[in-house]
Amino acid sequence: MLERLEEIAARHAETDSEQILELGYQGGRFSALVVLPKEGSELATVESQLTGDKLSAWVAALESAQVRVEGYNFDIRKHVLEYDD
């Protein structure tokens, strides 16, 4: 069931074969990086070519943009322990 269709402020980048979107949450404290293959590209190819250097290049290329997001609501919950040094 489609839960939302909205325009949001996010960071976005594109390559010849991928679209990259950084979605912030928790007031910008955390973010999720979503990488989608462009039409004509295969997810398996994107996955097989993924390296630390490529991930760093994608993050460096991100620019602020208004993007139209169409997707499902999801909820990720994890308990994070904070330690005082």
C-alpha atoms as a PDB file:
ATOM      1  CA  MET A   1       0.000   0.000   0.000  1.00  0.00           C
ATOM      2  CA  LEU A   2       1.469   3.336  -1.046  1.00  0.00           C
ATOM      3  CA  GLU A   3       1.712   5.523   2.002  1.00  0.00           C
ATOM      4  CA  ARG A   4       3.124   8.826   0.807  1.00  0.00           C
ATOM      5  CA  LEU A   5       3.885  11.010  -2.129  1.00  0.00           C
ATOM      6  CA  GLU A   6       5.500  14.296  -1.255  1.00  0.00           C
ATOM      7  CA  GLU A   7       8.133  16.819  -2.162  1.00  0.00           C
ATOM      8  CA  ILE A   8      10.896  17.070   0.400  1.00  0.00           C
ATOM      9  CA  ALA A   9      14.193  18.860   0.923  1.00  0.00           C
ATOM     10  CA  ALA A  10      16.966  16.276   0.774  1.00  0.00           C
ATOM     11  CA  ARG A  11      20.417  15.704  -0.642  1.00  0.00           C
ATOM     12  CA  HIS A  12      20.550  14.058  -4.060  1.00  0.00           C
ATOM     13  CA  ALA A  13      23.082  12.962  -6.668  1.00  0.00           C
ATOM     14  CA  GLU A  14      22.995  11.090  -9.960  1.00  0.00           C
ATOM     15  CA  THR A  15      25.496   9.123 -11.979  1.00  0.00           C
ATOM     16  CA  ASP A  16      25.088   7.515 -15.373  1.00  0.00           C
ATOM     17  CA  SER A  17      23.596   4.427 -13.760  1.00  0.00           C
ATOM     18  CA  GLU A  18      22.378   5.390 -10.260  1.00  0.00           C
ATOM     19  CA  GLN A  19      20.259   7.874  -8.355  1.00  0.00           C
ATOM     20  CA  ILE A  20      21.360   8.538  -4.795  1.00  0.00           C
ATOM     21  CA  LEU A  21      19.152  10.111  -2.136  1.00  0.00           C
ATOM     22  CA  GLU A  22      20.079  10.910   1.444  1.00  0.00           C
ATOM     23  CA  LEU A  23      17.082  10.955   3.769  1.00  0.00           C
ATOM     24  CA  GLY A  24      17.658  12.587   7.132  1.00  0.00           C
ATOM     25  CA  TYR A  25      15.767  11.712  10.283  1.00  0.00           C
ATOM     26  CA  GLN A  26      15.944  12.354  14.010  1.00  0.00           C
ATOM     27  CA  GLY A  27      16.486  16.060  13.307  1.00  0.00           C
ATOM     28  CA  GLY A  28      19.441  15.369  11.010  1.00  0.00           C
ATOM     29  CA  ARG A  29      21.255  13.287  13.606  1.00  0.00           C
ATOM     30  CA  PHE A  30      21.047  10.221  11.364  1.00  0.00           C
ATOM     31  CA  SER A  31      20.446   9.613   7.685  1.00  0.00           C
ATOM     32  CA  ALA A  32      19.753   6.787   5.292  1.00  0.00           C
ATOM     33  CA  LEU A  33      21.395   6.628   1.895  1.00  0.00           C
ATOM     34  CA  VAL A  34      19.112   5.190  -0.777  1.00  0.00           C
ATOM     35  CA  VAL A  35      20.753   4.052  -4.022  1.00  0.00           C
ATOM     36  CA  LEU A  36      18.513   3.115  -6.931  1.00  0.00           C
ATOM     37  CA  PRO A  37      19.546   1.946 -10.379  1.00  0.00           C
ATOM     38  CA  LYS A  38      18.380   4.172 -13.216  1.00  0.00           C
ATOM     39  CA  GLU A  39      16.137   2.730 -15.880  1.00  0.00           C
ATOM     40  CA  GLY A  40      18.235   0.401 -18.032  1.00  0.00           C
ATOM     41  CA  SER A  41      20.583  -0.407 -15.138  1.00  0.00           C
ATOM     42  CA  GLU A  42      20.326  -3.545 -13.045  1.00  0.00           C
ATOM     43  CA  LEU A  43      20.394  -3.584  -9.246  1.00  0.00           C
ATOM     44  CA  ALA A  44      22.744  -6.582  -9.323  1.00  0.00           C
ATOM     45  CA  THR A  45      25.238  -4.551 -11.361  1.00  0.00           C
ATOM     46  CA  VAL A  46      25.069  -1.623  -8.944  1.00  0.00           C
ATOM     47  CA  GLU A  47      25.579  -4.017  -6.010  1.00  0.00           C
ATOM     48  CA  SER A  48      28.496  -5.850  -7.616  1.00  0.00           C
ATOM     49  CA  GLN A  49      30.318  -2.592  -8.363  1.00  0.00           C
ATOM     50  CA  LEU A  50      29.815  -1.096  -4.902  1.00  0.00           C
ATOM     51  CA  THR A  51      33.072  -0.179  -3.162  1.00  0.00           C
ATOM     52  CA  GLY A  52      34.013   2.071  -0.283  1.00  0.00           C
ATOM     53  CA  ASP A  53      35.534   4.544  -2.727  1.00  0.00           C
ATOM     54  CA  LYS A  54      32.359   4.619  -4.822  1.00  0.00           C
ATOM     55  CA  LEU A  55      30.220   5.159  -1.725  1.00  0.00           C
ATOM     56  CA  SER A  56      32.500   8.022  -0.646  1.00  0.00           C
ATOM     57  CA  ALA A  57      32.224   9.585  -4.124  1.00  0.00           C
ATOM     58  CA  TRP A  58      28.420   9.381  -4.015  1.00  0.00           C
ATOM     59  CA  VAL A  59      28.296  11.056  -0.598  1.00  0.00           C
ATOM     60  CA  ALA A  60      30.710  13.790  -1.743  1.00  0.00           C
ATOM     61  CA  ALA A  61      28.521  14.460  -4.798  1.00  0.00           C
ATOM     62  CA  LEU A  62      25.294  14.937  -2.817  1.00  0.00           C
ATOM     63  CA  GLU A  63      23.689  18.361  -3.230  1.00  0.00           C
ATOM     64  CA  SER A  64      20.669  19.898  -1.558  1.00  0.00           C
ATOM     65  CA  ALA A  65      17.561  19.643  -3.696  1.00  0.00           C
ATOM     66  CA  GLN A  66      13.783  19.546  -3.607  1.00  0.00           C
ATOM     67  CA  VAL A  67      12.886  16.004  -4.631  1.00  0.00           C
ATOM     68  CA  ARG A  68       9.602  14.223  -5.153  1.00  0.00           C
ATOM     69  CA  VAL A  69       9.552  11.048  -3.101  1.00  0.00           C
ATOM     70  CA  GLU A  70       7.084   8.302  -3.717  1.00  0.00           C
ATOM     71  CA  GLY A  71       7.342   5.322  -1.454  1.00  0.00           C
ATOM     72  CA  TYR A  72       6.248   3.318   1.490  1.00  0.00           C
ATOM     73  CA  ASN A  73       6.268   4.370   5.102  1.00  0.00           C
ATOM     74  CA  PHE A  74       8.725   2.336   7.086  1.00  0.00           C
ATOM     75  CA  ASP A  75       9.857   2.414  10.646  1.00  0.00           C
ATOM     76  CA  ILE A  76      13.342   1.438  11.709  1.00  0.00           C
ATOM     77  CA  ARG A  77      13.847   1.074  15.404  1.00  0.00           C
ATOM     78  CA  LYS A  78      17.074   0.264  17.150  1.00  0.00           C
ATOM     79  CA  HIS A  79      18.128   0.941  20.668  1.00  0.00           C
ATOM     80  CA  VAL A  80      21.296   2.994  20.752  1.00  0.00           C
ATOM     81  CA  LEU A  81      23.308   3.131  23.923  1.00  0.00           C
ATOM     82  CA  GLU A  82      25.128   6.357  24.599  1.00  0.00           C
ATOM     83  CA  TYR A  83      28.258   6.204  26.702  1.00  0.00           C
ATOM     84  CA  ASP A  84      29.983   9.023  28.521  1.00  0.00           C
ATOM     85  CA  ASP A  85      33.765   8.931  28.124  1.00  0.00           C
END
